Amino acid sequence: MDKIFKALADKNRRKILTLLRDEEKTVSQLLKDFEIGQATLSNHLSILRKAKLVDFKINGKLRIYRLNKDLLVAFAENLRKFVGKMDESFVEEIEIRTRRV
């Protein structure tokens, strides 16, 4: 779980996960949405792979990355240990508090 927290701590890695949410992408496709170099993106992908949040398949010379949705769902379920059961009234209370601020 520590590797997942570390991977999610960076905004670029969270953006990668968001970009992979609906479809698989190559490194060059991912790069279009960033203002970072390929080496930096590859480093972020490596951290995400070590955390098992993404994996890839090879098609010729291309690595096509995909999100490991099963792990993310399991991780989210595991987080319930910290917050307990949340019902709609709890969420509404949070929304009301944020509006007052």
N, C-alpha and C. Protein backbone atom coordinates (compact mmCIF):
# COMPACT_ATOMS: atom_id res chain seq x y z
N MET A 1 0.81 -1.18 0.00
CA MET A 1 0.00 0.00 0.00
C MET A 1 0.87 1.26 0.00
N ASP A 2 2.04 1.20 0.60
CA ASP A 2 2.93 2.36 0.63
C ASP A 2 3.34 2.81 -0.77
N LYS A 3 3.59 1.84 -1.65
CA LYS A 3 3.98 2.19 -3.03
C LYS A 3 2.84 2.91 -3.74
N ILE A 4 1.62 2.52 -3.46
CA ILE A 4 0.47 3.18 -4.09
C ILE A 4 0.36 4.61 -3.59
N PHE A 5 0.49 4.81 -2.27
CA PHE A 5 0.44 6.17 -1.73
C PHE A 5 1.54 7.04 -2.33
N LYS A 6 2.74 6.48 -2.44
CA LYS A 6 3.85 7.25 -3.03
C LYS A 6 3.53 7.61 -4.48
N ALA A 7 3.01 6.65 -5.22
CA ALA A 7 2.70 6.90 -6.62
C ALA A 7 1.61 7.97 -6.76
N LEU A 8 0.63 7.95 -5.89
CA LEU A 8 -0.47 8.91 -5.98
C LEU A 8 -0.11 10.29 -5.44
N ALA A 9 1.04 10.41 -4.80
CA ALA A 9 1.44 11.69 -4.20
C ALA A 9 1.81 12.74 -5.24
N ASP A 10 2.11 12.32 -6.45
CA ASP A 10 2.56 13.25 -7.49
C ASP A 10 1.41 13.58 -8.44
N LYS A 11 1.22 14.88 -8.72
CA LYS A 11 0.10 15.29 -9.58
C LYS A 11 0.25 14.78 -11.01
N ASN A 12 1.48 14.66 -11.51
CA ASN A 12 1.67 14.13 -12.87
C ASN A 12 1.27 12.67 -12.95
N ARG A 13 1.57 11.91 -11.92
CA ARG A 13 1.18 10.49 -11.93
C ARG A 13 -0.32 10.34 -11.81
N ARG A 14 -0.97 11.21 -11.02
CA ARG A 14 -2.43 11.16 -10.95
C ARG A 14 -3.04 11.52 -12.30
N LYS A 15 -2.41 12.46 -13.00
CA LYS A 15 -2.90 12.84 -14.33
C LYS A 15 -2.75 11.68 -15.32
N ILE A 16 -1.65 10.95 -15.23
CA ILE A 16 -1.45 9.77 -16.08
C ILE A 16 -2.58 8.77 -15.84
N LEU A 17 -2.89 8.51 -14.58
CA LEU A 17 -3.96 7.57 -14.26
C LEU A 17 -5.29 8.04 -14.83
N THR A 18 -5.54 9.34 -14.75
CA THR A 18 -6.77 9.89 -15.31
C THR A 18 -6.82 9.71 -16.82
N LEU A 19 -5.69 9.96 -17.47
CA LEU A 19 -5.64 9.81 -18.93
C LEU A 19 -5.83 8.36 -19.37
N LEU A 20 -5.43 7.43 -18.53
CA LEU A 20 -5.56 6.01 -18.86
C LEU A 20 -6.89 5.42 -18.41
N ARG A 21 -7.70 6.22 -17.77
CA ARG A 21 -8.96 5.72 -17.22
C ARG A 21 -9.86 5.09 -18.29
N ASP A 22 -9.97 5.75 -19.43
CA ASP A 22 -10.92 5.29 -20.44
C ASP A 22 -10.30 4.54 -21.61
N GLU A 23 -8.98 4.69 -21.79
CA GLU A 23 -8.35 4.00 -22.92
C GLU A 23 -6.85 3.80 -22.68
N GLU A 24 -6.33 2.81 -23.37
CA GLU A 24 -4.89 2.55 -23.33
C GLU A 24 -4.18 3.60 -24.17
N LYS A 25 -2.94 3.94 -23.79
CA LYS A 25 -2.19 4.95 -24.53
C LYS A 25 -0.71 4.59 -24.57
N THR A 26 -0.06 5.04 -25.63
CA THR A 26 1.39 4.91 -25.74
C THR A 26 2.04 6.09 -25.02
N VAL A 27 3.35 6.01 -24.85
CA VAL A 27 4.09 7.10 -24.23
C VAL A 27 3.92 8.38 -25.04
N SER A 28 4.03 8.28 -26.36
CA SER A 28 3.91 9.48 -27.19
C SER A 28 2.51 10.09 -27.09
N GLN A 29 1.49 9.26 -26.96
CA GLN A 29 0.14 9.79 -26.77
C GLN A 29 0.01 10.49 -25.42
N LEU A 30 0.61 9.92 -24.39
CA LEU A 30 0.58 10.54 -23.07
C LEU A 30 1.35 11.86 -23.05
N LEU A 31 2.48 11.89 -23.73
CA LEU A 31 3.33 13.09 -23.74
C LEU A 31 2.59 14.33 -24.25
N LYS A 32 1.63 14.15 -25.13
CA LYS A 32 0.89 15.27 -25.70
C LYS A 32 0.16 16.08 -24.63
N ASP A 33 -0.14 15.46 -23.50
CA ASP A 33 -0.89 16.13 -22.43
C ASP A 33 0.01 16.68 -21.32
N PHE A 34 1.32 16.66 -21.54
CA PHE A 34 2.26 17.12 -20.52
C PHE A 34 3.27 18.10 -21.10
N GLU A 35 3.86 18.86 -20.23
CA GLU A 35 4.97 19.74 -20.60
C GLU A 35 6.25 19.24 -19.93
N ILE A 36 6.46 17.95 -20.02
CA ILE A 36 7.65 17.31 -19.48
C ILE A 36 8.27 16.47 -20.58
N GLY A 37 9.52 16.08 -20.38
CA GLY A 37 10.22 15.27 -21.37
C GLY A 37 9.86 13.79 -21.27
N GLN A 38 10.26 13.05 -22.27
CA GLN A 38 9.96 11.62 -22.30
C GLN A 38 10.63 10.88 -21.14
N ALA A 39 11.85 11.28 -20.79
CA ALA A 39 12.55 10.61 -19.69
C ALA A 39 11.79 10.79 -18.37
N THR A 40 11.29 11.99 -18.14
CA THR A 40 10.53 12.26 -16.92
C THR A 40 9.24 11.47 -16.90
N LEU A 41 8.55 11.44 -18.04
CA LEU A 41 7.31 10.66 -18.13
C LEU A 41 7.60 9.18 -17.91
N SER A 42 8.68 8.69 -18.49
CA SER A 42 9.05 7.28 -18.31
C SER A 42 9.32 6.97 -16.84
N ASN A 43 9.93 7.91 -16.13
CA ASN A 43 10.19 7.72 -14.71
C ASN A 43 8.87 7.64 -13.93
N HIS A 44 7.93 8.51 -14.27
CA HIS A 44 6.62 8.46 -13.62
C HIS A 44 5.93 7.13 -13.91
N LEU A 45 6.00 6.68 -15.14
CA LEU A 45 5.39 5.40 -15.51
C LEU A 45 6.05 4.24 -14.77
N SER A 46 7.35 4.33 -14.57
CA SER A 46 8.06 3.30 -13.84
C SER A 46 7.56 3.20 -12.40
N ILE A 47 7.36 4.34 -11.77
CA ILE A 47 6.84 4.36 -10.40
C ILE A 47 5.43 3.79 -10.36
N LEU A 48 4.62 4.15 -11.33
CA LEU A 48 3.25 3.61 -11.39
C LEU A 48 3.26 2.10 -11.64
N ARG A 49 4.21 1.62 -12.45
CA ARG A 49 4.33 0.18 -12.70
C ARG A 49 4.76 -0.55 -11.44
N LYS A 50 5.74 0.02 -10.71
CA LYS A 50 6.20 -0.63 -9.47
C LYS A 50 5.07 -0.72 -8.45
N ALA A 51 4.17 0.27 -8.47
CA ALA A 51 3.02 0.24 -7.57
C ALA A 51 1.90 -0.63 -8.14
N LYS A 52 2.09 -1.13 -9.35
CA LYS A 52 1.14 -1.98 -10.05
C LYS A 52 -0.16 -1.26 -10.41
N LEU A 53 -0.09 0.09 -10.47
CA LEU A 53 -1.25 0.87 -10.86
C LEU A 53 -1.45 0.88 -12.38
N VAL A 54 -0.37 0.66 -13.12
CA VAL A 54 -0.45 0.53 -14.57
C VAL A 54 0.37 -0.67 -15.00
N ASP A 55 0.05 -1.19 -16.14
CA ASP A 55 0.90 -2.18 -16.78
C ASP A 55 0.89 -1.87 -18.27
N PHE A 56 1.59 -2.65 -19.05
CA PHE A 56 1.67 -2.36 -20.47
C PHE A 56 1.75 -3.64 -21.26
N LYS A 57 1.43 -3.49 -22.54
CA LYS A 57 1.65 -4.58 -23.48
C LYS A 57 2.52 -4.02 -24.59
N ILE A 58 3.25 -4.90 -25.23
CA ILE A 58 4.15 -4.47 -26.30
C ILE A 58 3.51 -4.81 -27.64
N ASN A 59 3.48 -3.81 -28.51
CA ASN A 59 2.96 -3.98 -29.87
C ASN A 59 4.04 -3.45 -30.80
N GLY A 60 4.84 -4.34 -31.35
CA GLY A 60 5.99 -3.92 -32.16
C GLY A 60 7.00 -3.24 -31.26
N LYS A 61 7.30 -1.97 -31.56
CA LYS A 61 8.24 -1.19 -30.74
C LYS A 61 7.52 -0.34 -29.70
N LEU A 62 6.21 -0.38 -29.70
CA LEU A 62 5.43 0.47 -28.80
C LEU A 62 5.07 -0.26 -27.51
N ARG A 63 5.11 0.50 -26.42
CA ARG A 63 4.55 0.04 -25.15
C ARG A 63 3.22 0.75 -24.99
N ILE A 64 2.19 -0.02 -24.83
CA ILE A 64 0.86 0.54 -24.68
C ILE A 64 0.43 0.35 -23.22
N TYR A 65 0.27 1.48 -22.54
CA TYR A 65 -0.03 1.46 -21.11
C TYR A 65 -1.52 1.41 -20.86
N ARG A 66 -1.87 0.73 -19.77
CA ARG A 66 -3.27 0.65 -19.36
C ARG A 66 -3.35 0.71 -17.84
N LEU A 67 -4.47 1.18 -17.38
CA LEU A 67 -4.74 1.34 -15.96
C LEU A 67 -5.11 -0.01 -15.35
N ASN A 68 -4.61 -0.28 -14.17
CA ASN A 68 -4.99 -1.49 -13.44
C ASN A 68 -6.19 -1.14 -12.56
N LYS A 69 -7.38 -1.16 -13.16
CA LYS A 69 -8.58 -0.75 -12.45
C LYS A 69 -8.90 -1.66 -11.27
N ASP A 70 -8.60 -2.94 -11.40
CA ASP A 70 -8.88 -3.86 -10.29
C ASP A 70 -8.12 -3.47 -9.03
N LEU A 71 -6.86 -3.10 -9.20
CA LEU A 71 -6.06 -2.70 -8.04
C LEU A 71 -6.59 -1.39 -7.45
N LEU A 72 -6.97 -0.45 -8.30
CA LEU A 72 -7.50 0.82 -7.79
C LEU A 72 -8.80 0.62 -7.02
N VAL A 73 -9.65 -0.25 -7.52
CA VAL A 73 -10.90 -0.54 -6.81
C VAL A 73 -10.59 -1.17 -5.45
N ALA A 74 -9.68 -2.13 -5.43
CA ALA A 74 -9.30 -2.77 -4.17
C ALA A 74 -8.67 -1.77 -3.20
N PHE A 75 -7.85 -0.86 -3.72
CA PHE A 75 -7.23 0.18 -2.90
C PHE A 75 -8.29 1.09 -2.30
N ALA A 76 -9.25 1.52 -3.12
CA ALA A 76 -10.32 2.39 -2.63
C ALA A 76 -11.14 1.68 -1.55
N GLU A 77 -11.41 0.42 -1.75
CA GLU A 77 -12.14 -0.34 -0.73
C GLU A 77 -11.33 -0.44 0.56
N ASN A 78 -10.03 -0.59 0.42
CA ASN A 78 -9.15 -0.67 1.58
C ASN A 78 -9.13 0.64 2.36
N LEU A 79 -9.31 1.76 1.67
CA LEU A 79 -9.32 3.07 2.33
C LEU A 79 -10.51 3.23 3.26
N ARG A 80 -11.54 2.45 3.03
CA ARG A 80 -12.72 2.53 3.91
C ARG A 80 -12.36 2.24 5.36
N LYS A 81 -11.26 1.55 5.60
CA LYS A 81 -10.82 1.30 6.97
C LYS A 81 -10.58 2.62 7.72
N PHE A 82 -10.16 3.63 6.97
CA PHE A 82 -9.83 4.90 7.60
C PHE A 82 -11.05 5.80 7.79
N VAL A 83 -12.00 5.73 6.88
CA VAL A 83 -13.14 6.64 6.94
C VAL A 83 -14.43 5.96 7.38
N GLY A 84 -14.45 4.66 7.37
CA GLY A 84 -15.66 3.95 7.73
C GLY A 84 -16.71 4.09 6.65
N LYS A 85 -17.92 3.71 6.99
CA LYS A 85 -19.01 3.79 6.02
C LYS A 85 -19.45 5.24 5.86
N MET A 86 -19.57 5.66 4.62
CA MET A 86 -20.03 7.02 4.34
C MET A 86 -21.41 6.95 3.70
N ASP A 87 -22.36 7.61 4.31
CA ASP A 87 -23.68 7.66 3.68
C ASP A 87 -23.90 9.05 3.09
N GLU A 88 -25.01 9.23 2.44
CA GLU A 88 -25.28 10.49 1.74
C GLU A 88 -25.33 11.68 2.68
N SER A 89 -25.84 11.50 3.90
CA SER A 89 -25.93 12.64 4.82
C SER A 89 -24.55 13.16 5.19
N PHE A 90 -23.58 12.26 5.30
CA PHE A 90 -22.21 12.66 5.60
C PHE A 90 -21.64 13.49 4.45
N VAL A 91 -21.87 13.05 3.23
CA VAL A 91 -21.39 13.77 2.05
C VAL A 91 -22.07 15.13 1.96
N GLU A 92 -23.37 15.18 2.20
CA GLU A 92 -24.09 16.46 2.16
C GLU A 92 -23.55 17.42 3.21
N GLU A 93 -23.22 16.91 4.39
CA GLU A 93 -22.68 17.74 5.46
C GLU A 93 -21.34 18.34 5.04
N ILE A 94 -20.51 17.57 4.37
CA ILE A 94 -19.23 18.07 3.88
C ILE A 94 -19.47 19.17 2.85
N GLU A 95 -20.42 18.96 1.95
CA GLU A 95 -20.72 19.97 0.92
C GLU A 95 -21.21 21.26 1.55
N ILE A 96 -22.02 21.17 2.57
CA ILE A 96 -22.52 22.38 3.24
C ILE A 96 -21.38 23.12 3.91
N ARG A 97 -20.50 22.40 4.57
CA ARG A 97 -19.36 23.03 5.22
C ARG A 97 -18.47 23.76 4.22
N THR A 98 -18.22 23.16 3.08
CA THR A 98 -17.33 23.80 2.13
C THR A 98 -17.97 25.04 1.52
N ARG A 99 -19.28 25.08 1.40
CA ARG A 99 -19.95 26.27 0.87
C ARG A 99 -19.84 27.44 1.85
N ARG A 100 -19.84 27.19 3.12
CA ARG A 100 -19.79 28.24 4.14
C ARG A 100 -18.43 28.91 4.22
N VAL A 101 -17.40 28.18 3.83
CA VAL A 101 -16.04 28.69 3.98
C VAL A 101 -15.77 29.85 3.08
